[in-house]
Amino acid sequence: MQWVILAAGSGRRLKSPMRPKTLTQLVSEESILERLLRQIHSLGGHVTLVVGFKKEMITKQYPKLSFVDNPAFASTNTATSLALALKETHQDDDLIFLNGDIVVKQEVLERLAKCNKTTMVVTKESAVGEEEVKYKTAEQDRIVAVSKEVHGAEGEAVGINRIMAKDLPLLISALKECKETDYFEKGIELAIHKGLTVSALCIDASACVEIDFVEDLERANALLKEWGEC
């Protein structure tokens, strides 16, 4: 199993512009990244981090990890970061890739690591606004749309995904068609249009938080207390 963590962004919207967002401290006294790495290491597999903003703060703290640099982090988005990472990963092994600003229950990653029959996007049924990446399914939980502009959305795509090794060439091809400012979900959606089958792994709405704003961080810290992690 391979893991890619997309961690090139800053904490500007969190009002902490002096460090990468993934190094934001949680109430559990871990950073977001430290917690993710602990969770992933318990499941096994090789980890690659895509870095950009103040990358030295991450590379010096985790010198034994593999890194991919996105030097254009300020003008590009996660589709570019993922495309860069996929150039450095093995094409004969399944891959789980996720945003580096996520607080998620361990059982979600465990479920995803065991789902070895289909490419999957982790989702949660919830109210959504303009900020969230939304999704829509057809029969048998098959995803037919995933973006910020989905009409009739069922909820949020939380930013955690598993791509089967056999599907990697199709995703790589689709990412080449993305604009620099696109999220990686655009690449997934384009790959679906090219014939990729993607299933939704629906989780409890309180099992994952993507931290964009101060309110999200407060929600994540509250959940960590509920989960007994601090």
Protein backbone atom coordinates (compact mmCIF):
# COMPACT_ATOMS: atom_id res chain seq x y z
CA MET A 1 0.00 0.00 0.00
CA GLN A 2 1.16 3.52 -0.83
CA TRP A 3 0.02 6.72 0.86
CA VAL A 4 0.25 10.28 -0.44
CA ILE A 5 -0.46 13.23 1.86
CA LEU A 6 -1.01 16.55 0.10
CA ALA A 7 0.54 19.09 2.46
CA ALA A 8 1.71 22.00 0.31
CA GLY A 9 -0.69 24.65 1.58
CA SER A 10 -0.43 27.42 4.16
CA GLY A 11 -2.60 28.16 7.16
CA ARG A 12 -3.70 31.57 5.91
CA ARG A 13 -7.42 31.02 6.48
CA LEU A 14 -6.62 29.61 9.91
CA LYS A 15 -4.86 32.88 10.73
CA SER A 16 -1.57 31.02 11.15
CA PRO A 17 0.41 32.03 8.05
CA MET A 18 3.80 31.33 9.60
CA ARG A 19 3.67 27.55 9.09
CA PRO A 20 2.21 24.93 6.73
CA LYS A 21 -1.41 24.25 7.57
CA THR A 22 -0.73 20.58 8.24
CA LEU A 23 1.51 21.58 11.17
CA THR A 24 -1.42 23.25 12.96
CA GLN A 25 -1.51 22.05 16.55
CA LEU A 26 -4.50 20.11 17.87
CA VAL A 27 -5.85 19.92 21.38
CA SER A 28 -4.29 16.44 21.60
CA GLU A 29 -0.86 18.17 21.48
CA GLU A 30 -0.15 16.66 18.06
CA SER A 31 -0.10 18.53 14.79
CA ILE A 32 -2.59 17.47 12.12
CA LEU A 33 0.27 15.86 10.21
CA GLU A 34 1.74 14.12 13.23
CA ARG A 35 -1.62 12.54 13.97
CA LEU A 36 -2.12 11.42 10.36
CA LEU A 37 1.34 9.87 10.22
CA ARG A 38 0.74 7.99 13.46
CA GLN A 39 -2.51 6.62 12.08
CA ILE A 40 -0.99 5.62 8.75
CA HIS A 41 2.08 4.00 10.26
CA SER A 42 -0.17 1.74 12.32
CA LEU A 43 -1.62 0.41 9.05
CA GLY A 44 1.66 0.08 7.15
CA GLY A 45 2.82 1.22 3.74
CA HIS A 46 5.09 3.80 2.18
CA VAL A 47 4.26 7.48 2.77
CA THR A 48 5.01 10.36 0.40
CA LEU A 49 4.32 13.99 1.35
CA VAL A 50 3.77 16.75 -1.19
CA VAL A 51 5.20 19.92 0.31
CA GLY A 52 5.39 23.55 -0.75
CA PHE A 53 4.79 26.41 1.67
CA LYS A 54 7.70 26.61 4.12
CA LYS A 55 8.53 23.02 3.19
CA GLU A 56 11.68 22.99 5.34
CA MET A 57 9.53 23.04 8.47
CA ILE A 58 8.15 19.63 7.43
CA THR A 59 11.21 18.06 5.83
CA LYS A 60 13.43 18.84 8.83
CA GLN A 61 10.86 17.44 11.25
CA TYR A 62 10.37 14.21 9.27
CA PRO A 63 13.69 13.56 7.50
CA LYS A 64 13.05 9.85 6.91
CA LEU A 65 9.91 10.38 4.83
CA SER A 66 9.72 10.73 1.05
CA PHE A 67 8.91 14.19 -0.27
CA VAL A 68 7.70 15.69 -3.52
CA ASP A 69 8.03 19.45 -3.95
CA ASN A 70 5.31 21.58 -5.51
CA PRO A 71 7.26 24.81 -6.10
CA ALA A 72 4.17 26.50 -7.57
CA PHE A 73 2.05 25.81 -4.47
CA ALA A 74 0.87 29.43 -4.30
CA SER A 75 -0.73 29.38 -7.75
CA THR A 76 -1.75 25.73 -8.11
CA ASN A 77 -4.13 23.41 -6.34
CA THR A 78 -4.34 19.76 -5.27
CA ALA A 79 -4.73 18.38 -8.81
CA THR A 80 -1.22 19.64 -9.55
CA SER A 81 0.16 18.34 -6.25
CA LEU A 82 -1.34 14.89 -6.83
CA ALA A 83 -0.05 14.75 -10.41
CA LEU A 84 3.45 15.53 -9.16
CA ALA A 85 3.21 12.82 -6.50
CA LEU A 86 2.00 10.17 -8.95
CA LYS A 87 5.16 10.65 -11.02
CA GLU A 88 7.12 9.39 -8.02
CA THR A 89 4.91 6.49 -6.89
CA HIS A 90 4.88 2.86 -7.98
CA GLN A 91 2.29 2.10 -10.65
CA ASP A 92 1.87 -1.52 -9.53
CA ASP A 93 0.53 -0.82 -6.03
CA ASP A 94 -2.75 0.60 -4.74
CA LEU A 95 -2.63 4.16 -3.44
CA ILE A 96 -4.50 6.06 -0.75
CA PHE A 97 -4.21 9.82 -1.12
CA LEU A 98 -5.61 12.45 1.20
CA ASN A 99 -5.45 16.12 2.03
CA GLY A 100 -3.04 17.03 4.79
CA ASP A 101 -5.56 19.14 6.73
CA ILE A 102 -7.86 16.32 7.82
CA VAL A 103 -8.74 14.98 11.25
CA VAL A 104 -10.34 11.57 10.77
CA LYS A 105 -11.27 8.61 12.95
CA GLN A 106 -8.84 5.71 12.75
CA GLU A 107 -11.61 3.28 11.80
CA VAL A 108 -12.21 5.22 8.57
CA LEU A 109 -8.64 4.66 7.40
CA GLU A 110 -8.83 1.04 8.50
CA ARG A 111 -11.99 0.49 6.43
CA LEU A 112 -10.45 2.15 3.41
CA ALA A 113 -7.24 0.14 3.70
CA LYS A 114 -9.29 -3.07 3.61
CA CYS A 115 -11.40 -2.04 0.58
CA ASN A 116 -9.21 -3.66 -2.06
CA LYS A 117 -11.75 -4.37 -4.81
CA THR A 118 -12.58 -0.95 -6.22
CA THR A 119 -11.40 2.65 -6.40
CA MET A 120 -13.16 4.60 -3.66
CA VAL A 121 -13.92 8.14 -2.52
CA VAL A 122 -14.72 8.61 1.16
CA THR A 123 -17.94 10.58 1.58
CA LYS A 124 -20.34 11.71 4.25
CA GLU A 125 -23.99 12.63 3.94
CA SER A 126 -24.27 16.17 5.25
CA ALA A 127 -25.47 19.66 4.48
CA VAL A 128 -23.06 21.32 2.05
CA GLY A 129 -22.31 24.84 0.92
CA GLU A 130 -20.08 26.48 -1.66
CA GLU A 131 -16.85 25.54 0.13
CA GLU A 132 -17.36 21.77 0.25
CA VAL A 133 -16.50 19.33 -2.54
CA LYS A 134 -19.78 17.57 -3.22
CA TYR A 135 -20.73 14.21 -4.70
CA LYS A 136 -23.61 12.37 -6.32
CA THR A 137 -24.11 8.63 -6.80
CA ALA A 138 -26.10 6.32 -9.03
CA GLU A 139 -26.90 2.65 -8.42
CA GLN A 140 -24.77 0.61 -6.01
CA ASP A 141 -23.12 3.73 -4.53
CA ARG A 142 -21.29 4.40 -7.80
CA ILE A 143 -20.11 8.02 -7.93
CA VAL A 144 -21.15 9.88 -11.07
CA ALA A 145 -20.14 13.43 -10.08
CA VAL A 146 -17.68 14.93 -7.60
CA SER A 147 -16.82 18.64 -7.53
CA LYS A 148 -17.80 21.90 -5.87
CA GLU A 149 -20.52 22.42 -8.50
CA VAL A 150 -22.55 19.20 -8.17
CA HIS A 151 -26.30 19.73 -8.45
CA GLY A 152 -28.50 17.56 -6.26
CA ALA A 153 -25.53 16.68 -4.07
CA GLU A 154 -25.87 13.96 -1.44
CA GLY A 155 -23.13 15.31 0.79
CA GLU A 156 -19.40 15.96 0.96
CA ALA A 157 -16.38 14.17 -0.48
CA VAL A 158 -14.05 14.48 2.49
CA GLY A 159 -10.69 14.42 0.69
CA ILE A 160 -9.63 10.81 1.33
CA ASN A 161 -9.49 8.35 -1.58
CA ARG A 162 -8.18 4.94 -2.63
CA ILE A 163 -7.14 4.33 -6.22
CA MET A 164 -6.55 0.78 -7.41
CA ALA A 165 -3.24 0.16 -9.19
CA LYS A 166 -5.04 -0.83 -12.39
CA ASP A 167 -6.84 2.54 -12.39
CA LEU A 168 -3.77 4.73 -11.87
CA PRO A 169 -3.00 5.25 -15.60
CA LEU A 170 -6.53 6.55 -16.16
CA LEU A 171 -6.31 8.96 -13.23
CA ILE A 172 -2.88 10.18 -14.34
CA SER A 173 -4.25 10.82 -17.80
CA ALA A 174 -7.24 12.73 -16.40
CA LEU A 175 -5.07 14.88 -14.13
CA LYS A 176 -3.14 16.06 -17.20
CA GLU A 177 -6.39 17.65 -18.43
CA CYS A 178 -6.94 19.59 -15.20
CA LYS A 179 -6.23 23.27 -14.84
CA GLU A 180 -3.56 24.34 -12.37
CA THR A 181 -6.25 25.71 -10.06
CA ASP A 182 -8.36 22.53 -10.03
CA TYR A 183 -8.81 20.29 -7.02
CA PHE A 184 -7.86 16.64 -7.51
CA GLU A 185 -11.56 15.75 -7.47
CA LYS A 186 -11.72 17.27 -10.96
CA GLY A 187 -9.27 14.62 -12.08
CA ILE A 188 -11.40 11.90 -10.50
CA GLU A 189 -14.51 13.25 -12.24
CA LEU A 190 -12.75 13.41 -15.62
CA ALA A 191 -11.54 9.84 -15.10
CA ILE A 192 -15.13 8.78 -14.38
CA HIS A 193 -16.13 10.28 -17.72
CA LYS A 194 -13.36 8.21 -19.30
CA GLY A 195 -14.78 5.01 -17.82
CA LEU A 196 -13.34 4.79 -14.31
CA THR A 197 -15.65 3.11 -11.80
CA VAL A 198 -15.55 4.83 -8.41
CA SER A 199 -17.52 3.76 -5.36
CA ALA A 200 -18.52 5.90 -2.39
CA LEU A 201 -17.40 4.81 1.06
CA CYS A 202 -19.92 6.67 3.18
CA ILE A 203 -18.89 7.41 6.76
CA ASP A 204 -20.57 9.02 9.75
CA ALA A 205 -20.79 12.79 9.44
CA SER A 206 -18.84 13.25 12.68
CA ALA A 207 -15.99 10.90 11.71
CA CYS A 208 -13.97 13.42 9.71
CA VAL A 209 -13.30 17.15 9.55
CA GLU A 210 -11.32 19.02 6.91
CA ILE A 211 -9.77 22.05 8.57
CA ASP A 212 -10.01 25.19 6.46
CA PHE A 213 -11.17 27.80 8.98
CA VAL A 214 -10.86 28.46 12.70
CA GLU A 215 -14.36 27.05 13.19
CA ASP A 216 -13.26 23.77 11.59
CA LEU A 217 -10.31 23.54 13.97
CA GLU A 218 -12.62 24.10 16.92
CA ARG A 219 -14.91 21.34 15.64
CA ALA A 220 -11.99 18.97 15.16
CA ASN A 221 -10.72 19.62 18.68
CA ALA A 222 -14.19 19.00 20.09
CA LEU A 223 -14.34 15.67 18.25
CA LEU A 224 -10.92 14.64 19.53
CA LYS A 225 -12.23 15.14 23.04
CA GLU A 226 -15.32 13.06 22.21
CA TRP A 227 -13.07 10.33 20.82
CA GLY A 228 -11.06 10.29 24.04
CA GLU A 229 -7.78 11.37 22.42
CA CYS A 230 -7.04 14.10 24.93
